[in-house]
PDB file of N, CA and C in Angstrom:
ATOM      1  N   UNK A   1      62.817 112.154  95.544  1.00  0.00           N
ATOM      2  CA  UNK A   1      63.266 113.215  96.396  1.00  0.00           C
ATOM      3  C   UNK A   1      64.726 113.518  96.043  1.00  0.00           C
ATOM      4  N   UNK A   2      65.034 114.779  95.884  1.00  0.00           N
ATOM      5  CA  UNK A   2      66.395 115.192  95.563  1.00  0.00           C
ATOM      6  C   UNK A   2      67.190 115.396  96.849  1.00  0.00           C
ATOM      7  N   UNK A   3      68.429 114.928  96.834  1.00  0.00           N
ATOM      8  CA  UNK A   3      69.302 115.095  97.980  1.00  0.00           C
ATOM      9  C   UNK A   3      70.328 116.178  97.687  1.00  0.00           C
ATOM     10  N   UNK A   4      70.654 116.933  98.702  1.00  0.00           N
ATOM     11  CA  UNK A   4      71.643 117.987  98.567  1.00  0.00           C
ATOM     12  C   UNK A   4      73.033 117.382  98.450  1.00  0.00           C
ATOM     13  N   UNK A   5      73.750 117.737  97.420  1.00  0.00           N
ATOM     14  CA  UNK A   5      75.109 117.258  97.207  1.00  0.00           C
ATOM     15  C   UNK A   5      76.086 118.358  97.618  1.00  0.00           C
ATOM     16  N   UNK A   6      76.944 118.056  98.573  1.00  0.00           N
ATOM     17  CA  UNK A   6      77.946 119.021  98.994  1.00  0.00           C
ATOM     18  C   UNK A   6      79.181 118.869  98.130  1.00  0.00           C
ATOM     19  N   UNK A   7      79.645 119.959  97.577  1.00  0.00           N
ATOM     20  CA  UNK A   7      80.851 119.930  96.768  1.00  0.00           C
ATOM     21  C   UNK A   7      81.922 120.750  97.473  1.00  0.00           C
ATOM     22  N   UNK A   8      83.140 120.243  97.518  1.00  0.00           N
ATOM     23  CA  UNK A   8      84.207 120.999  98.175  1.00  0.00           C
ATOM     24  C   UNK A   8      84.547 122.254  97.382  1.00  0.00           C
ATOM     25  N   UNK A   9      84.795 123.319  98.102  1.00  0.00           N
ATOM     26  CA  UNK A   9      85.164 124.575  97.462  1.00  0.00           C
ATOM     27  C   UNK A   9      86.660 124.790  97.651  1.00  0.00           C
ATOM     28  N   UNK A  10      87.405 124.933  96.568  1.00  0.00           N
ATOM     29  CA  UNK A  10      88.858 125.100  96.704  1.00  0.00           C
ATOM     30  C   UNK A  10      89.256 126.415  97.347  1.00  0.00           C
ATOM     31  N   UNK A  11      88.370 127.416  97.336  1.00  0.00           N
ATOM     32  CA  UNK A  11      88.730 128.705  97.928  1.00  0.00           C
ATOM     33  C   UNK A  11      88.587 128.708  99.452  1.00  0.00           C
ATOM     34  N   UNK A  12      88.007 127.644 100.016  1.00  0.00           N
ATOM     35  CA  UNK A  12      87.861 127.556 101.471  1.00  0.00           C
ATOM     36  C   UNK A  12      88.982 126.714 102.042  1.00  0.00           C
ATOM     37  N   UNK A  13      89.588 127.201 103.101  1.00  0.00           N
ATOM     38  CA  UNK A  13      90.630 126.456 103.774  1.00  0.00           C
ATOM     39  C   UNK A  13      90.150 126.071 105.160  1.00  0.00           C
ATOM     40  N   UNK A  14      90.773 125.076 105.730  1.00  0.00           N
ATOM     41  CA  UNK A  14      90.422 124.659 107.084  1.00  0.00           C
ATOM     42  C   UNK A  14      90.798 125.761 108.069  1.00  0.00           C
ATOM     43  N   UNK A  15      89.928 125.957 109.038  1.00  0.00           N
ATOM     44  CA  UNK A  15      90.208 126.947 110.064  1.00  0.00           C
ATOM     45  C   UNK A  15      91.297 126.433 110.989  1.00  0.00           C
ATOM     46  N   UNK A  16      92.158 127.322 111.461  1.00  0.00           N
ATOM     47  CA  UNK A  16      93.190 126.856 112.401  1.00  0.00           C
ATOM     48  C   UNK A  16      92.561 126.374 113.692  1.00  0.00           C
ATOM     49  N   UNK A  17      93.110 125.297 114.242  1.00  0.00           N
ATOM     50  CA  UNK A  17      92.597 124.693 115.459  1.00  0.00           C
ATOM     51  C   UNK A  17      93.331 125.257 116.662  1.00  0.00           C
ATOM     52  N   UNK A  18      92.609 125.612 117.726  1.00  0.00           N
ATOM     53  CA  UNK A  18      93.315 125.986 118.948  1.00  0.00           C
ATOM     54  C   UNK A  18      94.147 124.816 119.445  1.00  0.00           C
ATOM     55  N   UNK A  19      95.211 125.112 120.171  1.00  0.00           N
ATOM     56  CA  UNK A  19      96.148 124.072 120.595  1.00  0.00           C
ATOM     57  C   UNK A  19      95.493 123.013 121.467  1.00  0.00           C
ATOM     58  N   UNK A  20      94.475 123.355 122.229  1.00  0.00           N
ATOM     59  CA  UNK A  20      93.867 122.406 123.139  1.00  0.00           C
ATOM     60  C   UNK A  20      92.734 121.597 122.559  1.00  0.00           C
ATOM     61  N   UNK A  21      92.382 121.815 121.315  1.00  0.00           N
ATOM     62  CA  UNK A  21      91.218 121.156 120.728  1.00  0.00           C
ATOM     63  C   UNK A  21      91.614 119.892 119.978  1.00  0.00           C
ATOM     64  N   UNK A  22      90.808 118.844 120.134  1.00  0.00           N
ATOM     65  CA  UNK A  22      91.015 117.591 119.411  1.00  0.00           C
ATOM     66  C   UNK A  22      90.335 117.643 118.054  1.00  0.00           C
ATOM     67  N   UNK A  23      90.929 116.969 117.067  1.00  0.00           N
ATOM     68  CA  UNK A  23      90.251 116.832 115.787  1.00  0.00           C
ATOM     69  C   UNK A  23      89.079 115.873 115.947  1.00  0.00           C
ATOM     70  N   UNK A  24      88.045 116.072 115.154  1.00  0.00           N
ATOM     71  CA  UNK A  24      86.883 115.184 115.221  1.00  0.00           C
ATOM     72  C   UNK A  24      87.216 113.864 114.547  1.00  0.00           C
ATOM     73  N   UNK A  25      87.058 112.797 115.309  1.00  0.00           N
ATOM     74  CA  UNK A  25      87.428 111.464 114.844  1.00  0.00           C
ATOM     75  C   UNK A  25      86.210 110.551 114.949  1.00  0.00           C
ATOM     76  N   UNK A  26      86.044 109.682 113.979  1.00  0.00           N
ATOM     77  CA  UNK A  26      84.908 108.760 113.996  1.00  0.00           C
ATOM     78  C   UNK A  26      85.161 107.542 114.870  1.00  0.00           C
ATOM     79  N   UNK A  27      86.389 107.358 115.343  1.00  0.00           N
ATOM     80  CA  UNK A  27      86.723 106.183 116.146  1.00  0.00           C
ATOM     81  C   UNK A  27      86.988 106.501 117.611  1.00  0.00           C
ATOM     82  N   UNK A  28      86.859 107.736 118.035  1.00  0.00           N
ATOM     83  CA  UNK A  28      87.134 108.119 119.414  1.00  0.00           C
ATOM     84  C   UNK A  28      85.864 108.028 120.248  1.00  0.00           C
ATOM     85  N   UNK A  29      86.003 107.485 121.441  1.00  0.00           N
ATOM     86  CA  UNK A  29      84.877 107.405 122.370  1.00  0.00           C
ATOM     87  C   UNK A  29      85.257 108.171 123.634  1.00  0.00           C
ATOM     88  N   UNK A  30      84.388 109.102 124.040  1.00  0.00           N
ATOM     89  CA  UNK A  30      84.571 109.840 125.287  1.00  0.00           C
ATOM     90  C   UNK A  30      83.606 109.274 126.321  1.00  0.00           C
ATOM     91  N   UNK A  31      84.125 108.988 127.502  1.00  0.00           N
ATOM     92  CA  UNK A  31      83.317 108.433 128.582  1.00  0.00           C
ATOM     93  C   UNK A  31      83.367 109.412 129.741  1.00  0.00           C
ATOM     94  N   UNK A  32      82.208 109.922 130.141  1.00  0.00           N
ATOM     95  CA  UNK A  32      82.152 110.884 131.236  1.00  0.00           C
ATOM     96  C   UNK A  32      82.381 110.164 132.558  1.00  0.00           C
ATOM     97  N   UNK A  33      83.420 110.592 133.285  1.00  0.00           N
ATOM     98  CA  UNK A  33      83.789 109.968 134.544  1.00  0.00           C
ATOM     99  C   UNK A  33      83.189 110.727 135.720  1.00  0.00           C
ATOM    100  N   UNK A  34      83.260 112.052 135.689  1.00  0.00           N
ATOM    101  CA  UNK A  34      82.757 112.880 136.782  1.00  0.00           C
ATOM    102  C   UNK A  34      81.748 113.884 136.233  1.00  0.00           C
ATOM    103  N   UNK A  35      80.549 113.941 136.815  1.00  0.00           N
ATOM    104  CA  UNK A  35      79.560 114.916 136.353  1.00  0.00           C
ATOM    105  C   UNK A  35      79.930 116.319 136.821  1.00  0.00           C
ATOM    106  N   UNK A  36      79.251 117.295 136.267  1.00  0.00           N
ATOM    107  CA  UNK A  36      79.492 118.677 136.646  1.00  0.00           C
ATOM    108  C   UNK A  36      79.712 119.533 135.421  1.00  0.00           C
ATOM    109  N   UNK A  37      79.905 120.824 135.673  1.00  0.00           N
ATOM    110  CA  UNK A  37      80.092 121.751 134.560  1.00  0.00           C
ATOM    111  C   UNK A  37      81.365 121.427 133.777  1.00  0.00           C
ATOM    112  N   UNK A  38      82.427 121.113 134.492  1.00  0.00           N
ATOM    113  CA  UNK A  38      83.690 120.745 133.858  1.00  0.00           C
ATOM    114  C   UNK A  38      83.979 119.286 134.181  1.00  0.00           C
ATOM    115  N   UNK A  39      83.188 118.398 133.604  1.00  0.00           N
ATOM    116  CA  UNK A  39      83.310 116.978 133.894  1.00  0.00           C
ATOM    117  C   UNK A  39      84.617 116.390 133.394  1.00  0.00           C
ATOM    118  N   UNK A  40      85.009 115.315 134.001  1.00  0.00           N
ATOM    119  CA  UNK A  40      86.206 114.596 133.569  1.00  0.00           C
ATOM    120  C   UNK A  40      85.808 113.504 132.591  1.00  0.00           C
ATOM    121  N   UNK A  41      86.634 113.302 131.585  1.00  0.00           N
ATOM    122  CA  UNK A  41      86.352 112.321 130.544  1.00  0.00           C
ATOM    123  C   UNK A  41      87.529 111.379 130.377  1.00  0.00           C
ATOM    124  N   UNK A  42      87.234 110.121 130.143  1.00  0.00           N
ATOM    125  CA  UNK A  42      88.222 109.148 129.705  1.00  0.00           C
ATOM    126  C   UNK A  42      88.041 108.974 128.202  1.00  0.00           C
ATOM    127  N   UNK A  43      89.138 108.688 127.511  1.00  0.00           N
ATOM    128  CA  UNK A  43      89.114 108.584 126.054  1.00  0.00           C
ATOM    129  C   UNK A  43      89.526 107.174 125.657  1.00  0.00           C
ATOM    130  N   UNK A  44      88.791 106.606 124.703  1.00  0.00           N
ATOM    131  CA  UNK A  44      89.122 105.301 124.143  1.00  0.00           C
ATOM    132  C   UNK A  44      89.165 105.412 122.626  1.00  0.00           C
ATOM    133  N   UNK A  45      90.078 104.686 122.017  1.00  0.00           N
ATOM    134  CA  UNK A  45      90.181 104.639 120.561  1.00  0.00           C
ATOM    135  C   UNK A  45      89.618 103.302 120.087  1.00  0.00           C
ATOM    136  N   UNK A  46      88.739 103.340 119.121  1.00  0.00           N
ATOM    137  CA  UNK A  46      88.110 102.138 118.586  1.00  0.00           C
ATOM    138  C   UNK A  46      88.628 101.774 117.199  1.00  0.00           C
ATOM    139  N   UNK A  47      89.743 102.375 116.782  1.00  0.00           N
ATOM    140  CA  UNK A  47      90.296 102.097 115.462  1.00  0.00           C
ATOM    141  C   UNK A  47      91.034 100.763 115.487  1.00  0.00           C
ATOM    142  N   UNK A  48      90.937  99.903 114.566  1.00  0.00           N
ATOM    143  CA  UNK A  48      90.339  99.962 113.255  1.00  0.00           C
ATOM    144  C   UNK A  48      88.977  99.279 113.149  1.00  0.00           C
ATOM    145  N   UNK A  49      88.634  98.372 114.068  1.00  0.00           N
ATOM    146  CA  UNK A  49      87.429  97.574 113.841  1.00  0.00           C
ATOM    147  C   UNK A  49      86.261  97.884 114.776  1.00  0.00           C
ATOM    148  N   UNK A  50      86.406  98.819 115.696  1.00  0.00           N
ATOM    149  CA  UNK A  50      85.365  99.237 116.637  1.00  0.00           C
ATOM    150  C   UNK A  50      84.918  98.124 117.578  1.00  0.00           C
ATOM    151  N   UNK A  51      85.711  97.074 117.719  1.00  0.00           N
ATOM    152  CA  UNK A  51      85.346  95.975 118.605  1.00  0.00           C
ATOM    153  C   UNK A  51      86.074  96.039 119.941  1.00  0.00           C
ATOM    154  N   UNK A  52      87.357  96.325 119.914  1.00  0.00           N
ATOM    155  CA  UNK A  52      88.170  96.334 121.122  1.00  0.00           C
ATOM    156  C   UNK A  52      88.664  97.763 121.374  1.00  0.00           C
ATOM    157  N   UNK A  53      88.168  98.424 122.438  1.00  0.00           N
ATOM    158  CA  UNK A  53      88.628  99.789 122.706  1.00  0.00           C
ATOM    159  C   UNK A  53      90.036  99.805 123.299  1.00  0.00           C
ATOM    160  N   UNK A  54      90.813 100.777 122.885  1.00  0.00           N
ATOM    161  CA  UNK A  54      92.156 100.990 123.422  1.00  0.00           C
ATOM    162  C   UNK A  54      92.081 102.199 124.341  1.00  0.00           C
ATOM    163  N   UNK A  55      92.271 102.030 125.648  1.00  0.00           N
ATOM    164  CA  UNK A  55      92.180 103.178 126.561  1.00  0.00           C
ATOM    165  C   UNK A  55      93.369 104.123 126.350  1.00  0.00           C
ATOM    166  N   UNK A  56      93.050 105.419 126.227  1.00  0.00           N
ATOM    167  CA  UNK A  56      94.072 106.435 126.020  1.00  0.00           C
ATOM    168  C   UNK A  56      94.244 107.345 127.232  1.00  0.00           C
ATOM    169  N   UNK A  57      93.448 107.160 128.266  1.00  0.00           N
ATOM    170  CA  UNK A  57      93.553 107.995 129.457  1.00  0.00           C
ATOM    171  C   UNK A  57      92.571 109.149 129.420  1.00  0.00           C
ATOM    172  N   UNK A  58      92.902 110.232 130.117  1.00  0.00           N
ATOM    173  CA  UNK A  58      92.014 111.388 130.124  1.00  0.00           C
ATOM    174  C   UNK A  58      92.282 112.248 128.887  1.00  0.00           C
ATOM    175  N   UNK A  59      91.572 113.367 128.772  1.00  0.00           N
ATOM    176  CA  UNK A  59      91.713 114.208 127.591  1.00  0.00           C
ATOM    177  C   UNK A  59      93.129 114.750 127.429  1.00  0.00           C
ATOM    178  N   UNK A  60      93.775 115.090 128.535  1.00  0.00           N
ATOM    179  CA  UNK A  60      95.129 115.635 128.463  1.00  0.00           C
ATOM    180  C   UNK A  60      96.148 114.650 127.923  1.00  0.00           C
ATOM    181  N   UNK A  61      96.049 113.402 128.321  1.00  0.00           N
ATOM    182  CA  UNK A  61      97.007 112.405 127.838  1.00  0.00           C
ATOM    183  C   UNK A  61      96.629 111.882 126.451  1.00  0.00           C
ATOM    184  N   UNK A  62      95.351 111.929 126.092  1.00  0.00           N
ATOM    185  CA  UNK A  62      94.918 111.435 124.786  1.00  0.00           C
ATOM    186  C   UNK A  62      95.176 112.438 123.669  1.00  0.00           C
ATOM    187  N   UNK A  63      95.241 113.726 124.000  1.00  0.00           N
ATOM    188  CA  UNK A  63      95.391 114.760 122.972  1.00  0.00           C
ATOM    189  C   UNK A  63      96.640 114.555 122.106  1.00  0.00           C
ATOM    190  N   UNK A  64      97.850 114.368 122.660  1.00  0.00           N
ATOM    191  CA  UNK A  64      99.009 114.171 121.777  1.00  0.00           C
ATOM    192  C   UNK A  64      98.941 112.871 120.980  1.00  0.00           C
ATOM    193  N   UNK A  65      98.319 111.843 121.543  1.00  0.00           N
ATOM    194  CA  UNK A  65      98.189 110.574 120.828  1.00  0.00           C
ATOM    195  C   UNK A  65      97.252 110.740 119.635  1.00  0.00           C
ATOM    196  N   UNK A  66      96.109 111.382 119.852  1.00  0.00           N
ATOM    197  CA  UNK A  66      95.135 111.589 118.775  1.00  0.00           C
ATOM    198  C   UNK A  66      95.676 112.545 117.710  1.00  0.00           C
ATOM    199  N   UNK A  67      96.383 113.591 118.133  1.00  0.00           N
ATOM    200  CA  UNK A  67      96.927 114.544 117.161  1.00  0.00           C
ATOM    201  C   UNK A  67      98.044 113.931 116.333  1.00  0.00           C
ATOM    202  N   UNK A  68      98.703 112.896 116.835  1.00  0.00           N
ATOM    203  CA  UNK A  68      99.774 112.239 116.086  1.00  0.00           C
ATOM    204  C   UNK A  68      99.268 111.079 115.232  1.00  0.00           C
ATOM    205  N   UNK A  69      97.973 110.829 115.251  1.00  0.00           N
ATOM    206  CA  UNK A  69      97.404 109.713 114.498  1.00  0.00           C
ATOM    207  C   UNK A  69      97.652 109.911 113.002  1.00  0.00           C
ATOM    208  N   UNK A  70      98.099 108.862 112.332  1.00  0.00           N
ATOM    209  CA  UNK A  70      98.402 108.958 110.905  1.00  0.00           C
ATOM    210  C   UNK A  70      97.288 108.406 110.020  1.00  0.00           C
ATOM    211  N   UNK A  71      96.193 107.961 110.598  1.00  0.00           N
ATOM    212  CA  UNK A  71      95.065 107.461 109.813  1.00  0.00           C
ATOM    213  C   UNK A  71      94.194 108.646 109.408  1.00  0.00           C
ATOM    214  N   UNK A  72      94.576 109.323 108.346  1.00  0.00           N
ATOM    215  CA  UNK A  72      93.929 110.572 107.941  1.00  0.00           C
ATOM    216  C   UNK A  72      92.469 110.383 107.544  1.00  0.00           C
ATOM    217  N   UNK A  73      92.075 109.193 107.112  1.00  0.00           N
ATOM    218  CA  UNK A  73      90.704 108.986 106.654  1.00  0.00           C
ATOM    219  C   UNK A  73      89.691 108.965 107.798  1.00  0.00           C
ATOM    220  N   UNK A  74      90.111 108.952 109.050  1.00  0.00           N
ATOM    221  CA  UNK A  74      89.168 108.910 110.157  1.00  0.00           C
ATOM    222  C   UNK A  74      88.765 110.302 110.619  1.00  0.00           C
ATOM    223  N   UNK A  75      89.453 111.338 110.147  1.00  0.00           N
ATOM    224  CA  UNK A  75      89.145 112.697 110.545  1.00  0.00           C
ATOM    225  C   UNK A  75      88.291 113.380 109.496  1.00  0.00           C
ATOM    226  N   UNK A  76      87.537 114.399 109.934  1.00  0.00           N
ATOM    227  CA  UNK A  76      86.744 115.170 108.991  1.00  0.00           C
ATOM    228  C   UNK A  76      87.663 115.901 108.016  1.00  0.00           C
ATOM    229  N   UNK A  77      87.294 115.987 106.739  1.00  0.00           N
ATOM    230  CA  UNK A  77      88.171 116.621 105.737  1.00  0.00           C
ATOM    231  C   UNK A  77      88.452 118.088 106.025  1.00  0.00           C
ATOM    232  N   UNK A  78      87.518 118.797 106.648  1.00  0.00           N
ATOM    233  CA  UNK A  78      87.728 120.220 106.894  1.00  0.00           C
ATOM    234  C   UNK A  78      88.633 120.478 108.098  1.00  0.00           C
ATOM    235  N   UNK A  79      89.084 119.425 108.775  1.00  0.00           N
ATOM    236  CA  UNK A  79      89.938 119.601 109.946  1.00  0.00           C
ATOM    237  C   UNK A  79      91.356 119.098 109.725  1.00  0.00           C
ATOM    238  N   UNK A  80      91.685 118.612 108.546  1.00  0.00           N
ATOM    239  CA  UNK A  80      93.045 118.147 108.273  1.00  0.00           C
ATOM    240  C   UNK A  80      93.931 119.304 107.902  1.00  0.00           C
TER     241      UNK A  80
END
């Protein structure tokens, strides 16, 4: 069976991110605290070993911490 190989295209650039949006991270865990249409979430960071979560607070307090993260390999390449 042949697998599709994705190749990066140099003519494509990352789309600009709105100021309120978090980058997609493979080590971030969102925990729903309050149900509803606009539920509240707590954020935990599982970097580097995914064993001990580091609580970052709600989305508002976690956003500047996550955006300042210097571990570039944990984010999707199209969002850097």
